[in-house]
Every structure is written in structure tokens, then in C-alpha cells.
Amino acid sequence: MMNVDDAILTRKSVRRFLPKPVPEEMLRHIMAVSARAPSGHNIQPWKVYVVAGAARDRLAADILKAAATEPDKHQPEYEYYPTEWHEPYIGRRRKLGFELYSLLGIQRDDKVGRERQMNRNYLFFDAPVGIFVTMDRRLNTGSFIDMGMFLQNILLAARGQGLHTCGQAAFTWYHDIIRKHLPLADTEMLICGVALGYEDTSAPENGLVTERIPVDEFVRFFGFPG
């Protein structure tokens, strides 16, 4: 078993996976562990849909077709990013984009290359397993906190099994396509997708490890000696 600190510190967004299958038993274990996430009054607002094999391939093909033929038709059910960006957030976002595309050899003015890389989201970056996480839309903003803790548990529980992941808000744009493949109730809102599998360590994009600002830049301590 992996130490918790090691799981946290080695977690990263992997954007190319090996075709090696992940056993259903391992996925069930990850979900059972993840379900220990805290939630307000223990309401456990999450539901999860896990796809692999032909089910994964059919869904990915339909989303890629929609992205190619009718991209303006599709909108997410909630806003993940701000409508207006400010520092330091816009700077961090640009830095990530520059580092990722540099590793991939995609120039800033290469719109075709950037779109091709964006669409790899809908192939789960070749991961053999795709996960969709939803919550009841009748709940309130606080439940998004619960969902974040649950999702983090999935990412860390996967690391504990030697797997890697990539959280994918990109799938929220195509929730209507996903509903044609999976039995989401009308009351369910798609929160995000997750690609899960074994990292392709030869892929240059997987060499990207994003930096974090030092503790003293985001934490203030009070009442401690010294």
C-alpha cells in the first residue's frame, strides 16, 4: 500500500495512458474507498458511472462526432471557470498551457494541433477506463465541496493501486451525448469525467508536473510560538 503523502505527491494529470486493462475488482475497491469521503450530514450526493471496452468506445465516438460537427450546440450545465480572469489565476493558467503545449511540440498559432489535443479528452487520453461523476442538481452549492472531496479520493485511491488519472471538466460540455449512453436521471448533473489507467511513461506530456506555490504564500499561522 502507498503512503498517503506519496499518493498525494505523485498524483498528477496524465494525458496518455497504456492500453493495459484495469480489473473491475480493482475499480470496485477504489470506489469503496472513495465513498469514505466526508459530506454534509452524510448525504453522499455522488453517483458514478464507469465505462470500459465497447461502451467506452461508442460513447467516445459520439462525443468526438459532436465536437467535430456541432460544437456550438453544446453547453455545460454549470460554469467551471470564471467569465473574467484575474491575476494570479490567469498567469497560472497560461503557464500550464505553455508548458503542456511545449512538451507536445504544439505552437501557439497551431489551432489544428491545439484542437486535436483538446479532442483527446474525449478519448480519455487513451485510458481504458472512463468515469463520470454526477450529483443531484436539487442540492446546493455546499454539495460541490462534498463532490470535490469525493473526486480527490478517487484520484488518490487510484494512485494507491499504482494507477494514474486525469480529471476532465471537458466532458461537461457533452452531458447530453453522455445521457444517450448512460442512465442519468433528469435530476443528475454531470460534474466531471475522469480518465483512469496506467501511465504511458514514454509520453512527453506526462513529464509535466505542475508547480505549487510555497506554503507561506497561501497560509498564515496565528498563536504559535516564534
C-alpha atoms as a PDB file:
ATOM      1  CA  MET A   1       0.000   0.000   0.000  1.00  0.00           C
ATOM      2  CA  MET A   2       1.219   3.504  -0.839  1.00  0.00           C
ATOM      3  CA  ASN A   3       1.752   6.052   1.907  1.00  0.00           C
ATOM      4  CA  VAL A   4      -0.888   8.820   1.823  1.00  0.00           C
ATOM      5  CA  ASP A   5       1.733  11.546   1.383  1.00  0.00           C
ATOM      6  CA  ASP A   6       3.285   9.609  -1.511  1.00  0.00           C
ATOM      7  CA  ALA A   7      -0.108   9.211  -3.179  1.00  0.00           C
ATOM      8  CA  ILE A   8      -0.768  12.949  -2.904  1.00  0.00           C
ATOM      9  CA  LEU A   9       2.703  13.983  -4.049  1.00  0.00           C
ATOM     10  CA  THR A  10       2.814  11.600  -7.027  1.00  0.00           C
ATOM     11  CA  ARG A  11      -0.695  12.346  -8.254  1.00  0.00           C
ATOM     12  CA  LYS A  12      -0.692  14.302 -11.498  1.00  0.00           C
ATOM     13  CA  SER A  13      -2.842  14.756 -14.569  1.00  0.00           C
ATOM     14  CA  VAL A  14      -1.797  12.036 -17.008  1.00  0.00           C
ATOM     15  CA  ARG A  15      -2.670  12.719 -20.639  1.00  0.00           C
ATOM     16  CA  ARG A  16      -1.568   9.485 -22.289  1.00  0.00           C
ATOM     17  CA  PHE A  17      -2.272   6.014 -20.958  1.00  0.00           C
ATOM     18  CA  LEU A  18      -1.297   2.472 -21.827  1.00  0.00           C
ATOM     19  CA  PRO A  19      -3.953   0.110 -23.258  1.00  0.00           C
ATOM     20  CA  LYS A  20      -3.473  -2.231 -20.292  1.00  0.00           C
ATOM     21  CA  PRO A  21      -6.929  -3.073 -18.849  1.00  0.00           C
ATOM     22  CA  VAL A  22      -7.888  -2.317 -15.256  1.00  0.00           C
ATOM     23  CA  PRO A  23      -9.713  -5.166 -13.458  1.00  0.00           C
ATOM     24  CA  GLU A  24     -13.273  -4.470 -12.334  1.00  0.00           C
ATOM     25  CA  GLU A  25     -12.386  -5.737  -8.863  1.00  0.00           C
ATOM     26  CA  MET A  26      -9.740  -3.016  -8.550  1.00  0.00           C
ATOM     27  CA  LEU A  27     -12.223  -0.358  -9.655  1.00  0.00           C
ATOM     28  CA  ARG A  28     -14.766  -1.567  -7.112  1.00  0.00           C
ATOM     29  CA  HIS A  29     -12.115  -1.274  -4.416  1.00  0.00           C
ATOM     30  CA  ILE A  30     -11.286   2.291  -5.489  1.00  0.00           C
ATOM     31  CA  MET A  31     -14.957   3.275  -5.345  1.00  0.00           C
ATOM     32  CA  ALA A  32     -15.485   1.666  -1.934  1.00  0.00           C
ATOM     33  CA  VAL A  33     -12.501   3.537  -0.521  1.00  0.00           C
ATOM     34  CA  SER A  34     -13.550   6.811  -2.180  1.00  0.00           C
ATOM     35  CA  ALA A  35     -17.021   6.583  -0.675  1.00  0.00           C
ATOM     36  CA  ARG A  36     -15.448   7.296   2.729  1.00  0.00           C
ATOM     37  CA  ALA A  37     -15.234  10.957   1.673  1.00  0.00           C
ATOM     38  CA  PRO A  38     -16.984  13.338   4.073  1.00  0.00           C
ATOM     39  CA  SER A  39     -20.217  15.072   3.106  1.00  0.00           C
ATOM     40  CA  GLY A  40     -22.545  17.430   4.942  1.00  0.00           C
ATOM     41  CA  HIS A  41     -24.895  15.402   7.172  1.00  0.00           C
ATOM     42  CA  ASN A  42     -23.534  12.304   5.370  1.00  0.00           C
ATOM     43  CA  ILE A  43     -25.848  12.883   2.400  1.00  0.00           C
ATOM     44  CA  GLN A  44     -23.288  11.334  -0.015  1.00  0.00           C
ATOM     45  CA  PRO A  45     -24.506  13.281  -3.059  1.00  0.00           C
ATOM     46  CA  TRP A  46     -22.424  11.442  -5.663  1.00  0.00           C
ATOM     47  CA  LYS A  47     -23.270   8.892  -8.314  1.00  0.00           C
ATOM     48  CA  VAL A  48     -20.675   7.274 -10.557  1.00  0.00           C
ATOM     49  CA  TYR A  49     -20.750   5.660 -13.999  1.00  0.00           C
ATOM     50  CA  VAL A  50     -17.706   3.638 -15.081  1.00  0.00           C
ATOM     51  CA  VAL A  51     -17.214   2.721 -18.739  1.00  0.00           C
ATOM     52  CA  ALA A  52     -14.714   0.458 -20.467  1.00  0.00           C
ATOM     53  CA  GLY A  53     -14.432  -1.608 -23.619  1.00  0.00           C
ATOM     54  CA  ALA A  54     -17.127  -1.218 -26.270  1.00  0.00           C
ATOM     55  CA  ALA A  55     -19.261   1.028 -24.033  1.00  0.00           C
ATOM     56  CA  ARG A  56     -16.353   3.448 -23.667  1.00  0.00           C
ATOM     57  CA  ASP A  57     -15.577   3.364 -27.387  1.00  0.00           C
ATOM     58  CA  ARG A  58     -19.168   4.050 -28.504  1.00  0.00           C
ATOM     59  CA  LEU A  59     -19.516   6.980 -26.123  1.00  0.00           C
ATOM     60  CA  ALA A  60     -16.161   8.477 -27.139  1.00  0.00           C
ATOM     61  CA  ALA A  61     -17.025   8.183 -30.834  1.00  0.00           C
ATOM     62  CA  ASP A  62     -20.336  10.011 -30.389  1.00  0.00           C
ATOM     63  CA  ILE A  63     -18.741  12.851 -28.423  1.00  0.00           C
ATOM     64  CA  LEU A  64     -15.951  13.248 -30.985  1.00  0.00           C
ATOM     65  CA  LYS A  65     -18.551  13.406 -33.755  1.00  0.00           C
ATOM     66  CA  ALA A  66     -20.494  16.087 -31.878  1.00  0.00           C
ATOM     67  CA  ALA A  67     -17.298  18.060 -31.206  1.00  0.00           C
ATOM     68  CA  ALA A  68     -16.440  17.966 -34.915  1.00  0.00           C
ATOM     69  CA  THR A  69     -19.870  18.678 -36.405  1.00  0.00           C
ATOM     70  CA  GLU A  70     -21.853  20.741 -33.887  1.00  0.00           C
ATOM     71  CA  PRO A  71     -19.557  22.213 -31.202  1.00  0.00           C
ATOM     72  CA  ASP A  72     -21.647  25.374 -30.728  1.00  0.00           C
ATOM     73  CA  LYS A  73     -24.743  23.344 -29.895  1.00  0.00           C
ATOM     74  CA  HIS A  74     -23.365  22.017 -26.608  1.00  0.00           C
ATOM     75  CA  GLN A  75     -23.022  23.849 -23.288  1.00  0.00           C
ATOM     76  CA  PRO A  76     -22.138  22.694 -19.755  1.00  0.00           C
ATOM     77  CA  GLU A  77     -24.766  22.759 -17.012  1.00  0.00           C
ATOM     78  CA  TYR A  78     -22.598  24.834 -14.690  1.00  0.00           C
ATOM     79  CA  GLU A  79     -19.706  27.266 -15.091  1.00  0.00           C
ATOM     80  CA  TYR A  80     -16.394  25.788 -14.019  1.00  0.00           C
ATOM     81  CA  TYR A  81     -14.191  28.731 -14.946  1.00  0.00           C
ATOM     82  CA  PRO A  82     -14.757  32.459 -14.352  1.00  0.00           C
ATOM     83  CA  THR A  83     -16.179  34.612 -17.130  1.00  0.00           C
ATOM     84  CA  GLU A  84     -13.433  37.163 -16.410  1.00  0.00           C
ATOM     85  CA  TRP A  85      -9.937  36.110 -15.387  1.00  0.00           C
ATOM     86  CA  HIS A  86      -7.694  37.935 -12.916  1.00  0.00           C
ATOM     87  CA  GLU A  87      -4.158  37.513 -11.626  1.00  0.00           C
ATOM     88  CA  PRO A  88      -2.662  35.375 -10.264  1.00  0.00           C
ATOM     89  CA  TYR A  89      -5.070  32.837 -11.782  1.00  0.00           C
ATOM     90  CA  ILE A  90      -4.731  33.832 -15.442  1.00  0.00           C
ATOM     91  CA  GLY A  91      -0.945  33.712 -15.134  1.00  0.00           C
ATOM     92  CA  ARG A  92      -1.014  30.217 -13.679  1.00  0.00           C
ATOM     93  CA  ARG A  93      -3.398  29.076 -16.385  1.00  0.00           C
ATOM     94  CA  ARG A  94      -1.193  30.460 -19.168  1.00  0.00           C
ATOM     95  CA  LYS A  95       1.927  28.922 -17.644  1.00  0.00           C
ATOM     96  CA  LEU A  96       0.295  25.484 -17.609  1.00  0.00           C
ATOM     97  CA  GLY A  97      -0.838  25.824 -21.213  1.00  0.00           C
ATOM     98  CA  PHE A  98       2.608  26.959 -22.362  1.00  0.00           C
ATOM     99  CA  GLU A  99       4.369  24.102 -20.571  1.00  0.00           C
ATOM    100  CA  LEU A 100       1.963  21.439 -21.843  1.00  0.00           C
ATOM    101  CA  TYR A 101       1.966  22.528 -25.470  1.00  0.00           C
ATOM    102  CA  SER A 102       5.744  22.981 -25.438  1.00  0.00           C
ATOM    103  CA  LEU A 103       6.170  19.360 -24.372  1.00  0.00           C
ATOM    104  CA  LEU A 104       3.810  18.313 -27.163  1.00  0.00           C
ATOM    105  CA  GLY A 105       5.591  20.452 -29.754  1.00  0.00           C
ATOM    106  CA  ILE A 106       2.401  22.409 -30.498  1.00  0.00           C
ATOM    107  CA  GLN A 107       2.974  26.063 -31.369  1.00  0.00           C
ATOM    108  CA  ARG A 108       0.742  28.824 -30.039  1.00  0.00           C
ATOM    109  CA  ASP A 109      -0.659  29.591 -33.507  1.00  0.00           C
ATOM    110  CA  ASP A 110      -1.261  25.913 -34.340  1.00  0.00           C
ATOM    111  CA  LYS A 111      -5.040  25.877 -33.972  1.00  0.00           C
ATOM    112  CA  VAL A 112      -5.370  22.449 -35.571  1.00  0.00           C
ATOM    113  CA  GLY A 113      -2.840  20.916 -33.214  1.00  0.00           C
ATOM    114  CA  ARG A 114      -4.449  22.504 -30.180  1.00  0.00           C
ATOM    115  CA  GLU A 115      -7.894  21.303 -31.204  1.00  0.00           C
ATOM    116  CA  ARG A 116      -6.551  17.814 -31.850  1.00  0.00           C
ATOM    117  CA  GLN A 117      -5.053  17.718 -28.356  1.00  0.00           C
ATOM    118  CA  MET A 118      -8.268  19.084 -26.843  1.00  0.00           C
ATOM    119  CA  ASN A 119     -10.276  16.345 -28.529  1.00  0.00           C
ATOM    120  CA  ARG A 120      -8.053  13.704 -26.958  1.00  0.00           C
ATOM    121  CA  ASN A 121     -10.025  14.450 -23.811  1.00  0.00           C
ATOM    122  CA  TYR A 122     -12.955  12.655 -25.403  1.00  0.00           C
ATOM    123  CA  LEU A 123     -10.834   9.557 -25.950  1.00  0.00           C
ATOM    124  CA  PHE A 124      -9.987   9.647 -22.233  1.00  0.00           C
ATOM    125  CA  PHE A 125      -6.396  10.205 -23.395  1.00  0.00           C
ATOM    126  CA  ASP A 126      -6.437   6.516 -24.416  1.00  0.00           C
ATOM    127  CA  ALA A 127      -7.167   5.371 -20.855  1.00  0.00           C
ATOM    128  CA  PRO A 128      -9.022   2.031 -20.800  1.00  0.00           C
ATOM    129  CA  VAL A 129     -11.451   3.312 -18.158  1.00  0.00           C
ATOM    130  CA  GLY A 130     -13.631   6.403 -18.166  1.00  0.00           C
ATOM    131  CA  ILE A 131     -15.530   7.616 -15.108  1.00  0.00           C
ATOM    132  CA  PHE A 132     -18.403  10.078 -14.948  1.00  0.00           C
ATOM    133  CA  VAL A 133     -19.402  11.606 -11.623  1.00  0.00           C
ATOM    134  CA  THR A 134     -22.763  13.303 -11.077  1.00  0.00           C
ATOM    135  CA  MET A 135     -24.661  14.969  -8.255  1.00  0.00           C
ATOM    136  CA  ASP A 136     -28.308  15.777  -7.661  1.00  0.00           C
ATOM    137  CA  ARG A 137     -28.984  19.201  -9.157  1.00  0.00           C
ATOM    138  CA  ARG A 138     -31.601  19.890  -6.470  1.00  0.00           C
ATOM    139  CA  LEU A 139     -28.832  20.211  -3.877  1.00  0.00           C
ATOM    140  CA  ASN A 140     -26.999  23.438  -3.129  1.00  0.00           C
ATOM    141  CA  THR A 141     -23.526  24.944  -3.523  1.00  0.00           C
ATOM    142  CA  GLY A 142     -22.178  23.193  -0.426  1.00  0.00           C
ATOM    143  CA  SER A 143     -22.549  19.827  -2.121  1.00  0.00           C
ATOM    144  CA  PHE A 144     -19.883  20.873  -4.635  1.00  0.00           C
ATOM    145  CA  ILE A 145     -17.454  20.808  -1.689  1.00  0.00           C
ATOM    146  CA  ASP A 146     -18.555  17.230  -0.954  1.00  0.00           C
ATOM    147  CA  MET A 147     -18.064  16.329  -4.615  1.00  0.00           C
ATOM    148  CA  GLY A 148     -14.549  17.755  -4.629  1.00  0.00           C
ATOM    149  CA  MET A 149     -13.544  15.654  -1.644  1.00  0.00           C
ATOM    150  CA  PHE A 150     -15.064  12.543  -3.217  1.00  0.00           C
ATOM    151  CA  LEU A 151     -13.274  13.148  -6.512  1.00  0.00           C
ATOM    152  CA  GLN A 152      -9.959  13.673  -4.751  1.00  0.00           C
ATOM    153  CA  ASN A 153     -10.485  10.344  -3.008  1.00  0.00           C
ATOM    154  CA  ILE A 154     -10.889   8.655  -6.395  1.00  0.00           C
ATOM    155  CA  LEU A 155      -7.640  10.158  -7.663  1.00  0.00           C
ATOM    156  CA  LEU A 156      -5.708   9.177  -4.540  1.00  0.00           C
ATOM    157  CA  ALA A 157      -7.259   5.716  -4.211  1.00  0.00           C
ATOM    158  CA  ALA A 158      -6.250   5.084  -7.820  1.00  0.00           C
ATOM    159  CA  ARG A 159      -2.660   6.063  -7.017  1.00  0.00           C
ATOM    160  CA  GLY A 160      -2.757   3.609  -4.134  1.00  0.00           C
ATOM    161  CA  GLN A 161      -3.348   0.886  -6.719  1.00  0.00           C
ATOM    162  CA  GLY A 162      -0.485   2.070  -8.939  1.00  0.00           C
ATOM    163  CA  LEU A 163      -2.814   3.826 -11.370  1.00  0.00           C
ATOM    164  CA  HIS A 164      -2.973   7.371 -12.672  1.00  0.00           C
ATOM    165  CA  THR A 165      -5.860   9.659 -13.554  1.00  0.00           C
ATOM    166  CA  CYS A 166      -6.870  12.890 -15.220  1.00  0.00           C
ATOM    167  CA  GLY A 167      -9.858  14.908 -14.082  1.00  0.00           C
ATOM    168  CA  GLN A 168     -11.780  16.168 -17.117  1.00  0.00           C
ATOM    169  CA  ALA A 169     -14.219  19.057 -16.921  1.00  0.00           C
ATOM    170  CA  ALA A 170     -14.252  18.973 -20.749  1.00  0.00           C
ATOM    171  CA  PHE A 171     -16.890  16.245 -20.672  1.00  0.00           C
ATOM    172  CA  THR A 172     -19.450  18.555 -19.040  1.00  0.00           C
ATOM    173  CA  TRP A 173     -19.988  20.243 -22.407  1.00  0.00           C
ATOM    174  CA  TYR A 174     -21.349  16.996 -23.830  1.00  0.00           C
ATOM    175  CA  HIS A 175     -23.586  15.863 -20.983  1.00  0.00           C
ATOM    176  CA  ASP A 176     -26.493  15.473 -23.421  1.00  0.00           C
ATOM    177  CA  ILE A 177     -24.494  12.983 -25.507  1.00  0.00           C
ATOM    178  CA  ILE A 178     -23.466  11.097 -22.379  1.00  0.00           C
ATOM    179  CA  ARG A 179     -27.113  10.846 -21.345  1.00  0.00           C
ATOM    180  CA  LYS A 180     -27.830   8.922 -24.538  1.00  0.00           C
ATOM    181  CA  HIS A 181     -25.377   6.235 -23.430  1.00  0.00           C
ATOM    182  CA  LEU A 182     -25.786   6.154 -19.649  1.00  0.00           C
ATOM    183  CA  PRO A 183     -28.918   6.124 -17.474  1.00  0.00           C
ATOM    184  CA  LEU A 184     -28.502   9.534 -15.833  1.00  0.00           C
ATOM    185  CA  ALA A 185     -31.703  10.740 -14.208  1.00  0.00           C
ATOM    186  CA  ASP A 186     -33.053  14.190 -15.078  1.00  0.00           C
ATOM    187  CA  THR A 187     -32.139  15.268 -11.560  1.00  0.00           C
ATOM    188  CA  GLU A 188     -28.469  14.376 -12.091  1.00  0.00           C
ATOM    189  CA  MET A 189     -25.917  16.995 -13.150  1.00  0.00           C
ATOM    190  CA  LEU A 190     -22.632  15.860 -14.663  1.00  0.00           C
ATOM    191  CA  ILE A 191     -19.791  17.225 -12.526  1.00  0.00           C
ATOM    192  CA  CYS A 192     -16.824  15.877 -14.487  1.00  0.00           C
ATOM    193  CA  GLY A 193     -15.199  12.922 -16.139  1.00  0.00           C
ATOM    194  CA  VAL A 194     -12.068  11.079 -15.043  1.00  0.00           C
ATOM    195  CA  ALA A 195      -9.660   9.105 -17.222  1.00  0.00           C
ATOM    196  CA  LEU A 196      -8.112   6.205 -15.304  1.00  0.00           C
ATOM    197  CA  GLY A 197      -5.457   3.672 -16.164  1.00  0.00           C
ATOM    198  CA  TYR A 198      -1.723   3.005 -16.308  1.00  0.00           C
ATOM    199  CA  GLU A 199       0.555   5.895 -17.258  1.00  0.00           C
ATOM    200  CA  ASP A 200       2.455   5.785 -20.538  1.00  0.00           C
ATOM    201  CA  THR A 201       5.797   6.885 -19.110  1.00  0.00           C
ATOM    202  CA  SER A 202       7.248   7.377 -22.608  1.00  0.00           C
ATOM    203  CA  ALA A 203       4.790  10.187 -23.414  1.00  0.00           C
ATOM    204  CA  PRO A 204       6.420  13.633 -23.188  1.00  0.00           C
ATOM    205  CA  GLU A 205       3.230  15.278 -21.909  1.00  0.00           C
ATOM    206  CA  ASN A 206       3.312  13.006 -18.866  1.00  0.00           C
ATOM    207  CA  GLY A 207       6.582  14.586 -17.842  1.00  0.00           C
ATOM    208  CA  LEU A 208       4.652  17.708 -16.855  1.00  0.00           C
ATOM    209  CA  VAL A 209       4.484  18.144 -13.088  1.00  0.00           C
ATOM    210  CA  THR A 210       2.870  21.462 -12.219  1.00  0.00           C
ATOM    211  CA  GLU A 211       4.445  23.592  -9.523  1.00  0.00           C
ATOM    212  CA  ARG A 212       2.739  24.688  -6.314  1.00  0.00           C
ATOM    213  CA  ILE A 213       3.272  27.991  -4.561  1.00  0.00           C
ATOM    214  CA  PRO A 214       5.125  27.848  -1.209  1.00  0.00           C
ATOM    215  CA  VAL A 215       3.105  27.346   1.969  1.00  0.00           C
ATOM    216  CA  ASP A 216       3.945  30.825   3.283  1.00  0.00           C
ATOM    217  CA  GLU A 217       2.306  32.384   0.232  1.00  0.00           C
ATOM    218  CA  PHE A 218      -1.139  30.943   0.952  1.00  0.00           C
ATOM    219  CA  VAL A 219      -1.134  30.115   4.692  1.00  0.00           C
ATOM    220  CA  ARG A 220      -0.954  32.401   7.730  1.00  0.00           C
ATOM    221  CA  PHE A 221      -0.366  30.957  11.201  1.00  0.00           C
ATOM    222  CA  PHE A 222      -1.600  32.551  14.404  1.00  0.00           C
ATOM    223  CA  GLY A 223      -0.967  31.767  18.062  1.00  0.00           C
ATOM    224  CA  PHE A 224       2.148  29.661  17.544  1.00  0.00           C
ATOM    225  CA  PRO A 225       5.384  30.365  19.435  1.00  0.00           C
ATOM    226  CA  GLY A 226       8.058  32.191  17.498  1.00  0.00           C
END
